[in-house]
Amino acid sequence: MKKVRDIKPLKPKYQRTLNRVEGNDSQGETMLSTSLTINEQLLRNVFTECSDIVYRSIDVQSCVNLLVVYIDGLVDAKHLEETILKPLVFQGLPKNQTVTDLVGFLQKQVMPLGDTKIVYTLQDVVQNALKGEVLFLVDGQAQVLVGSIKGWSKRSVDEPQTEQVIRGPREGFIETLRVNTSLIRRKIRSSKLKVESYTVGRYTQTDVAILYIEGVATDLVF
């Protein structure tokens, strides 16, 4: 049975923001809100029907909300969990560190050796997510920390022996579903690429993903 997640409709002014992110509006870029709820709602509406987008909500010292967003299959989730999220949850912040500059603390202390940057517009947030970066959103701050914690498949993605090509990338699908969807994500960096997940088979309970580009694939297929 398909997993269904309710998404609240956007207010008119936020719908205009969504139109600009998706290229349906000729106006300029949209600055992020200081409200984590609004920023999360905008992201969820941009990535509607994208089951490979991961949202992790974390309470830091029970006084500030942190939202971590990334595309499953493009990020080293184990490294993210062990080196960043667990220390924040179980150890909290240093005594001399205030929660008002949590983004700066993450950039300078938690990820000092990583490739990080801070972005301020919704368009930049979406584009970096599609590139396989990790997004750190903090409630009360109109900025997002972007970190590079990329991770790939356990088994190398080789050229299929039965479908060899002379030109183009020499990559083939393997047995892991999320690795296969990430291969397509790496080639098509668009929020219009949808990944709908289903579970089929009464006994096998096999995970299946249907991928399509919104606005290109006909609705009659679904």
C-alpha atoms as a PDB file:
ATOM      1  CA  MET A   1       0.000   0.000   0.000  1.00  0.00           C
ATOM      2  CA  LYS A   2       1.274   3.442  -0.883  1.00  0.00           C
ATOM      3  CA  LYS A   3       2.359   5.599   2.010  1.00  0.00           C
ATOM      4  CA  VAL A   4       0.369   8.817   2.036  1.00  0.00           C
ATOM      5  CA  ARG A   5       1.545  11.950   3.806  1.00  0.00           C
ATOM      6  CA  ASP A   6      -0.799  14.859   4.301  1.00  0.00           C
ATOM      7  CA  ILE A   7       0.584  18.195   3.101  1.00  0.00           C
ATOM      8  CA  LYS A   8      -1.114  21.376   4.195  1.00  0.00           C
ATOM      9  CA  PRO A   9      -1.990  23.804   1.394  1.00  0.00           C
ATOM     10  CA  LEU A  10       0.217  26.877   1.211  1.00  0.00           C
ATOM     11  CA  LYS A  11      -1.076  30.338   1.870  1.00  0.00           C
ATOM     12  CA  PRO A  12      -1.238  32.525  -1.284  1.00  0.00           C
ATOM     13  CA  LYS A  13       1.959  34.456  -0.522  1.00  0.00           C
ATOM     14  CA  TYR A  14       3.903  31.230   0.086  1.00  0.00           C
ATOM     15  CA  GLN A  15       2.435  29.678  -3.044  1.00  0.00           C
ATOM     16  CA  ARG A  16       3.948  32.553  -5.013  1.00  0.00           C
ATOM     17  CA  THR A  17       7.266  31.704  -3.382  1.00  0.00           C
ATOM     18  CA  LEU A  18       6.897  28.087  -4.490  1.00  0.00           C
ATOM     19  CA  ASN A  19       6.178  29.214  -8.036  1.00  0.00           C
ATOM     20  CA  ARG A  20       9.435  31.169  -8.110  1.00  0.00           C
ATOM     21  CA  VAL A  21      11.410  28.165  -6.839  1.00  0.00           C
ATOM     22  CA  GLU A  22       9.956  25.925  -9.546  1.00  0.00           C
ATOM     23  CA  GLY A  23      10.546  28.466 -12.289  1.00  0.00           C
ATOM     24  CA  ASN A  24       6.894  29.409 -12.782  1.00  0.00           C
ATOM     25  CA  ASP A  25       7.404  33.022 -11.790  1.00  0.00           C
ATOM     26  CA  SER A  26       9.749  35.603 -13.274  1.00  0.00           C
ATOM     27  CA  GLN A  27      10.301  37.496 -10.011  1.00  0.00           C
ATOM     28  CA  GLY A  28      13.558  37.462  -8.024  1.00  0.00           C
ATOM     29  CA  GLU A  29      14.849  35.037  -5.440  1.00  0.00           C
ATOM     30  CA  THR A  30      13.045  34.450  -2.167  1.00  0.00           C
ATOM     31  CA  MET A  31      14.748  34.993   1.151  1.00  0.00           C
ATOM     32  CA  LEU A  32      14.289  32.346   3.814  1.00  0.00           C
ATOM     33  CA  SER A  33      11.964  32.896   6.742  1.00  0.00           C
ATOM     34  CA  THR A  34      13.016  32.919  10.379  1.00  0.00           C
ATOM     35  CA  SER A  35      10.224  30.414  11.009  1.00  0.00           C
ATOM     36  CA  LEU A  36      11.369  26.814  10.748  1.00  0.00           C
ATOM     37  CA  THR A  37       7.763  25.712  10.220  1.00  0.00           C
ATOM     38  CA  ILE A  38       7.375  27.915   7.138  1.00  0.00           C
ATOM     39  CA  ASN A  39      10.715  26.844   5.668  1.00  0.00           C
ATOM     40  CA  GLU A  40       9.917  23.166   6.198  1.00  0.00           C
ATOM     41  CA  GLN A  41       6.476  23.561   4.669  1.00  0.00           C
ATOM     42  CA  LEU A  42       7.957  25.228   1.584  1.00  0.00           C
ATOM     43  CA  LEU A  43      10.495  22.436   1.165  1.00  0.00           C
ATOM     44  CA  ARG A  44       7.863  19.736   1.568  1.00  0.00           C
ATOM     45  CA  ASN A  45       5.732  21.370  -1.101  1.00  0.00           C
ATOM     46  CA  VAL A  46       8.671  21.700  -3.489  1.00  0.00           C
ATOM     47  CA  PHE A  47       9.534  18.026  -2.931  1.00  0.00           C
ATOM     48  CA  THR A  48       5.980  16.695  -2.991  1.00  0.00           C
ATOM     49  CA  GLU A  49       5.834  12.983  -3.900  1.00  0.00           C
ATOM     50  CA  CYS A  50       9.569  12.604  -3.296  1.00  0.00           C
ATOM     51  CA  SER A  51       9.913   9.668  -0.930  1.00  0.00           C
ATOM     52  CA  ASP A  52      13.720   9.806  -1.018  1.00  0.00           C
ATOM     53  CA  ILE A  53      13.831  13.170   0.771  1.00  0.00           C
ATOM     54  CA  VAL A  54      14.658  12.688   4.464  1.00  0.00           C
ATOM     55  CA  TYR A  55      13.506  15.121   7.168  1.00  0.00           C
ATOM     56  CA  ARG A  56      15.060  14.738  10.641  1.00  0.00           C
ATOM     57  CA  SER A  57      13.785  16.957  13.463  1.00  0.00           C
ATOM     58  CA  ILE A  58      16.096  17.346  16.467  1.00  0.00           C
ATOM     59  CA  ASP A  59      15.721  19.237  19.744  1.00  0.00           C
ATOM     60  CA  VAL A  60      19.021  20.727  20.882  1.00  0.00           C
ATOM     61  CA  GLN A  61      19.075  21.088  24.655  1.00  0.00           C
ATOM     62  CA  SER A  62      15.268  21.203  24.599  1.00  0.00           C
ATOM     63  CA  CYS A  63      15.336  24.861  23.614  1.00  0.00           C
ATOM     64  CA  VAL A  64      15.985  25.065  19.878  1.00  0.00           C
ATOM     65  CA  ASN A  65      14.639  23.042  16.972  1.00  0.00           C
ATOM     66  CA  LEU A  66      16.991  21.785  14.277  1.00  0.00           C
ATOM     67  CA  LEU A  67      15.791  20.273  10.998  1.00  0.00           C
ATOM     68  CA  VAL A  68      18.165  18.151   8.909  1.00  0.00           C
ATOM     69  CA  VAL A  69      17.171  17.548   5.280  1.00  0.00           C
ATOM     70  CA  TYR A  70      18.908  15.412   2.659  1.00  0.00           C
ATOM     71  CA  ILE A  71      18.314  12.998  -0.207  1.00  0.00           C
ATOM     72  CA  ASP A  72      18.578   9.378   0.820  1.00  0.00           C
ATOM     73  CA  GLY A  73      21.246   7.575  -1.178  1.00  0.00           C
ATOM     74  CA  LEU A  74      23.368  10.655  -1.876  1.00  0.00           C
ATOM     75  CA  VAL A  75      24.540  11.213   1.706  1.00  0.00           C
ATOM     76  CA  ASP A  76      26.645   9.149   4.080  1.00  0.00           C
ATOM     77  CA  ALA A  77      23.856   8.785   6.634  1.00  0.00           C
ATOM     78  CA  LYS A  78      26.004   6.765   9.066  1.00  0.00           C
ATOM     79  CA  HIS A  79      28.691   9.432   9.173  1.00  0.00           C
ATOM     80  CA  LEU A  80      26.046  12.132   9.625  1.00  0.00           C
ATOM     81  CA  GLU A  81      24.472  10.224  12.503  1.00  0.00           C
ATOM     82  CA  GLU A  82      27.666   9.299  14.334  1.00  0.00           C
ATOM     83  CA  THR A  83      29.722  12.480  14.016  1.00  0.00           C
ATOM     84  CA  ILE A  84      27.113  15.246  13.999  1.00  0.00           C
ATOM     85  CA  LEU A  85      23.630  14.288  15.163  1.00  0.00           C
ATOM     86  CA  LYS A  86      24.476  12.012  18.106  1.00  0.00           C
ATOM     87  CA  PRO A  87      26.895  14.499  19.735  1.00  0.00           C
ATOM     88  CA  LEU A  88      24.283  17.252  19.425  1.00  0.00           C
ATOM     89  CA  VAL A  89      21.544  15.104  20.967  1.00  0.00           C
ATOM     90  CA  PHE A  90      23.498  13.460  23.795  1.00  0.00           C
ATOM     91  CA  GLN A  91      26.209  16.033  24.566  1.00  0.00           C
ATOM     92  CA  GLY A  92      24.455  19.242  23.633  1.00  0.00           C
ATOM     93  CA  LEU A  93      26.301  22.541  23.221  1.00  0.00           C
ATOM     94  CA  PRO A  94      29.384  23.710  25.140  1.00  0.00           C
ATOM     95  CA  LYS A  95      28.685  25.870  28.182  1.00  0.00           C
ATOM     96  CA  ASN A  96      30.015  29.011  26.496  1.00  0.00           C
ATOM     97  CA  GLN A  97      27.986  28.441  23.318  1.00  0.00           C
ATOM     98  CA  THR A  98      24.584  30.094  22.907  1.00  0.00           C
ATOM     99  CA  VAL A  99      21.788  28.629  20.819  1.00  0.00           C
ATOM    100  CA  THR A 100      21.303  31.931  18.988  1.00  0.00           C
ATOM    101  CA  ASP A 101      24.231  31.120  16.692  1.00  0.00           C
ATOM    102  CA  LEU A 102      23.717  27.394  16.259  1.00  0.00           C
ATOM    103  CA  VAL A 103      24.422  27.600  12.520  1.00  0.00           C
ATOM    104  CA  GLY A 104      27.790  29.235  13.147  1.00  0.00           C
ATOM    105  CA  PHE A 105      28.641  26.649  15.806  1.00  0.00           C
ATOM    106  CA  LEU A 106      27.839  23.792  13.448  1.00  0.00           C
ATOM    107  CA  GLN A 107      29.959  25.304  10.706  1.00  0.00           C
ATOM    108  CA  LYS A 108      33.023  26.141  12.830  1.00  0.00           C
ATOM    109  CA  GLN A 109      33.053  23.428  15.489  1.00  0.00           C
ATOM    110  CA  VAL A 110      31.027  20.417  14.339  1.00  0.00           C
ATOM    111  CA  MET A 111      32.004  20.445  10.655  1.00  0.00           C
ATOM    112  CA  PRO A 112      35.276  22.433  10.586  1.00  0.00           C
ATOM    113  CA  LEU A 113      36.972  20.202   8.011  1.00  0.00           C
ATOM    114  CA  GLY A 114      33.969  19.708   5.771  1.00  0.00           C
ATOM    115  CA  ASP A 115      32.910  21.665   2.711  1.00  0.00           C
ATOM    116  CA  THR A 116      30.287  23.999   4.167  1.00  0.00           C
ATOM    117  CA  LYS A 117      28.563  27.230   3.258  1.00  0.00           C
ATOM    118  CA  ILE A 118      25.598  29.302   4.364  1.00  0.00           C
ATOM    119  CA  VAL A 119      22.749  30.168   2.007  1.00  0.00           C
ATOM    120  CA  TYR A 120      19.889  32.599   2.443  1.00  0.00           C
ATOM    121  CA  THR A 121      17.441  31.920  -0.383  1.00  0.00           C
ATOM    122  CA  LEU A 122      14.992  29.101  -0.933  1.00  0.00           C
ATOM    123  CA  GLN A 123      16.260  28.568  -4.467  1.00  0.00           C
ATOM    124  CA  ASP A 124      19.800  27.919  -3.198  1.00  0.00           C
ATOM    125  CA  VAL A 125      18.476  25.518  -0.562  1.00  0.00           C
ATOM    126  CA  VAL A 126      16.614  23.446  -3.149  1.00  0.00           C
ATOM    127  CA  GLN A 127      19.526  23.362  -5.599  1.00  0.00           C
ATOM    128  CA  ASN A 128      22.007  22.257  -2.933  1.00  0.00           C
ATOM    129  CA  ALA A 129      19.672  19.512  -1.763  1.00  0.00           C
ATOM    130  CA  LEU A 130      19.459  18.218  -5.343  1.00  0.00           C
ATOM    131  CA  LYS A 131      23.265  18.159  -5.514  1.00  0.00           C
ATOM    132  CA  GLY A 132      23.394  15.747  -2.589  1.00  0.00           C
ATOM    133  CA  GLU A 133      24.257  18.192   0.186  1.00  0.00           C
ATOM    134  CA  VAL A 134      22.907  18.091   3.752  1.00  0.00           C
ATOM    135  CA  LEU A 135      20.772  21.021   4.907  1.00  0.00           C
ATOM    136  CA  PHE A 136      20.704  22.246   8.516  1.00  0.00           C
ATOM    137  CA  LEU A 137      17.755  24.532   9.291  1.00  0.00           C
ATOM    138  CA  VAL A 138      17.441  26.195  12.678  1.00  0.00           C
ATOM    139  CA  ASP A 139      14.302  27.754  14.083  1.00  0.00           C
ATOM    140  CA  GLY A 140      14.630  31.516  14.423  1.00  0.00           C
ATOM    141  CA  GLN A 141      17.390  31.870  11.823  1.00  0.00           C
ATOM    142  CA  ALA A 142      16.764  32.903   8.220  1.00  0.00           C
ATOM    143  CA  GLN A 143      19.758  30.998   6.907  1.00  0.00           C
ATOM    144  CA  VAL A 144      20.659  27.391   6.167  1.00  0.00           C
ATOM    145  CA  LEU A 145      23.962  25.635   6.676  1.00  0.00           C
ATOM    146  CA  VAL A 146      24.864  23.440   3.700  1.00  0.00           C
ATOM    147  CA  GLY A 147      27.322  20.627   4.352  1.00  0.00           C
ATOM    148  CA  SER A 148      28.927  18.071   2.074  1.00  0.00           C
ATOM    149  CA  ILE A 149      28.660  14.572   3.575  1.00  0.00           C
ATOM    150  CA  LYS A 150      28.309  12.614   0.379  1.00  0.00           C
ATOM    151  CA  GLY A 151      28.234   8.839   0.386  1.00  0.00           C
ATOM    152  CA  TRP A 152      27.800   6.260  -2.351  1.00  0.00           C
ATOM    153  CA  SER A 153      26.849   2.623  -2.688  1.00  0.00           C
ATOM    154  CA  LYS A 154      28.573  -0.219  -0.864  1.00  0.00           C
ATOM    155  CA  ARG A 155      29.185  -2.053  -4.127  1.00  0.00           C
ATOM    156  CA  SER A 156      30.676  -0.245  -7.094  1.00  0.00           C
ATOM    157  CA  VAL A 157      28.236   0.813  -9.776  1.00  0.00           C
ATOM    158  CA  ASP A 158      29.739  -0.804 -12.890  1.00  0.00           C
ATOM    159  CA  GLU A 159      28.787  -0.912 -16.547  1.00  0.00           C
ATOM    160  CA  PRO A 160      26.223  -3.679 -17.169  1.00  0.00           C
ATOM    161  CA  GLN A 161      27.819  -6.523 -19.108  1.00  0.00           C
ATOM    162  CA  THR A 162      24.733  -7.121 -21.249  1.00  0.00           C
ATOM    163  CA  GLU A 163      24.223  -3.462 -22.205  1.00  0.00           C
ATOM    164  CA  GLN A 164      27.658  -2.093 -23.012  1.00  0.00           C
ATOM    165  CA  VAL A 165      27.862   1.317 -24.652  1.00  0.00           C
ATOM    166  CA  ILE A 166      30.585   3.193 -26.518  1.00  0.00           C
ATOM    167  CA  ARG A 167      29.551   6.683 -25.450  1.00  0.00           C
ATOM    168  CA  GLY A 168      27.994   8.034 -22.296  1.00  0.00           C
ATOM    169  CA  PRO A 169      28.305   7.034 -18.629  1.00  0.00           C
ATOM    170  CA  ARG A 170      29.226   3.431 -17.860  1.00  0.00           C
ATOM    171  CA  GLU A 171      26.928   2.913 -14.906  1.00  0.00           C
ATOM    172  CA  GLY A 172      24.319   0.255 -14.270  1.00  0.00           C
ATOM    173  CA  PHE A 173      21.670  -0.429 -11.678  1.00  0.00           C
ATOM    174  CA  ILE A 174      22.365  -2.806  -8.790  1.00  0.00           C
ATOM    175  CA  GLU A 175      20.196  -4.669  -6.287  1.00  0.00           C
ATOM    176  CA  THR A 176      19.660  -1.810  -3.814  1.00  0.00           C
ATOM    177  CA  LEU A 177      16.606   0.320  -4.569  1.00  0.00           C
ATOM    178  CA  ARG A 178      17.819   3.524  -2.963  1.00  0.00           C
ATOM    179  CA  VAL A 179      21.161   3.329  -4.766  1.00  0.00           C
ATOM    180  CA  ASN A 180      19.296   3.054  -8.065  1.00  0.00           C
ATOM    181  CA  THR A 181      17.090   6.064  -7.338  1.00  0.00           C
ATOM    182  CA  SER A 182      20.170   8.061  -6.317  1.00  0.00           C
ATOM    183  CA  LEU A 183      21.781   7.267  -9.671  1.00  0.00           C
ATOM    184  CA  ILE A 184      18.876   8.959 -11.419  1.00  0.00           C
ATOM    185  CA  ARG A 185      18.886  11.847  -8.934  1.00  0.00           C
ATOM    186  CA  ARG A 186      22.530  12.524  -9.770  1.00  0.00           C
ATOM    187  CA  LYS A 187      21.661  12.823 -13.470  1.00  0.00           C
ATOM    188  CA  ILE A 188      18.393  14.765 -13.156  1.00  0.00           C
ATOM    189  CA  ARG A 189      18.823  17.525 -10.586  1.00  0.00           C
ATOM    190  CA  SER A 190      15.293  18.823 -10.594  1.00  0.00           C
ATOM    191  CA  SER A 191      12.556  19.010  -7.985  1.00  0.00           C
ATOM    192  CA  LYS A 192      10.205  17.983 -10.797  1.00  0.00           C
ATOM    193  CA  LEU A 193      11.682  14.470 -10.642  1.00  0.00           C
ATOM    194  CA  LYS A 194       9.277  12.588  -8.381  1.00  0.00           C
ATOM    195  CA  VAL A 195       9.992   9.336  -6.555  1.00  0.00           C
ATOM    196  CA  GLU A 196       6.858   7.588  -5.329  1.00  0.00           C
ATOM    197  CA  SER A 197       7.362   4.545  -3.106  1.00  0.00           C
ATOM    198  CA  TYR A 198       5.097   1.524  -2.878  1.00  0.00           C
ATOM    199  CA  THR A 199       5.163  -1.873  -1.194  1.00  0.00           C
ATOM    200  CA  VAL A 200       3.852  -4.735  -3.368  1.00  0.00           C
ATOM    201  CA  GLY A 201       3.392  -8.461  -2.799  1.00  0.00           C
ATOM    202  CA  ARG A 202       1.320 -10.058  -0.071  1.00  0.00           C
ATOM    203  CA  TYR A 203       4.213 -12.214   1.089  1.00  0.00           C
ATOM    204  CA  THR A 204       7.341 -10.649  -0.410  1.00  0.00           C
ATOM    205  CA  GLN A 205       6.531  -7.052   0.669  1.00  0.00           C
ATOM    206  CA  THR A 206       8.824  -5.753  -2.055  1.00  0.00           C
ATOM    207  CA  ASP A 207       9.721  -2.065  -2.107  1.00  0.00           C
ATOM    208  CA  VAL A 208       9.039  -0.446  -5.477  1.00  0.00           C
ATOM    209  CA  ALA A 209       9.712   3.115  -6.638  1.00  0.00           C
ATOM    210  CA  ILE A 210       8.065   4.865  -9.577  1.00  0.00           C
ATOM    211  CA  LEU A 211      10.050   7.781 -10.972  1.00  0.00           C
ATOM    212  CA  TYR A 212       8.731  10.409 -13.358  1.00  0.00           C
ATOM    213  CA  ILE A 213       9.125  14.071 -14.226  1.00  0.00           C
ATOM    214  CA  GLU A 214       6.136  16.122 -13.188  1.00  0.00           C
ATOM    215  CA  GLY A 215       4.657  17.993 -16.123  1.00  0.00           C
ATOM    216  CA  VAL A 216       6.209  15.612 -18.645  1.00  0.00           C
ATOM    217  CA  ALA A 217       4.720  12.221 -17.714  1.00  0.00           C
ATOM    218  CA  THR A 218       1.013  11.963 -18.461  1.00  0.00           C
ATOM    219  CA  ASP A 219      -1.366  11.754 -15.533  1.00  0.00           C
ATOM    220  CA  LEU A 220      -3.183   8.880 -17.242  1.00  0.00           C
ATOM    221  CA  VAL A 221      -0.338   6.568 -16.230  1.00  0.00           C
ATOM    222  CA  PHE A 222      -1.249   7.021 -12.574  1.00  0.00           C
END
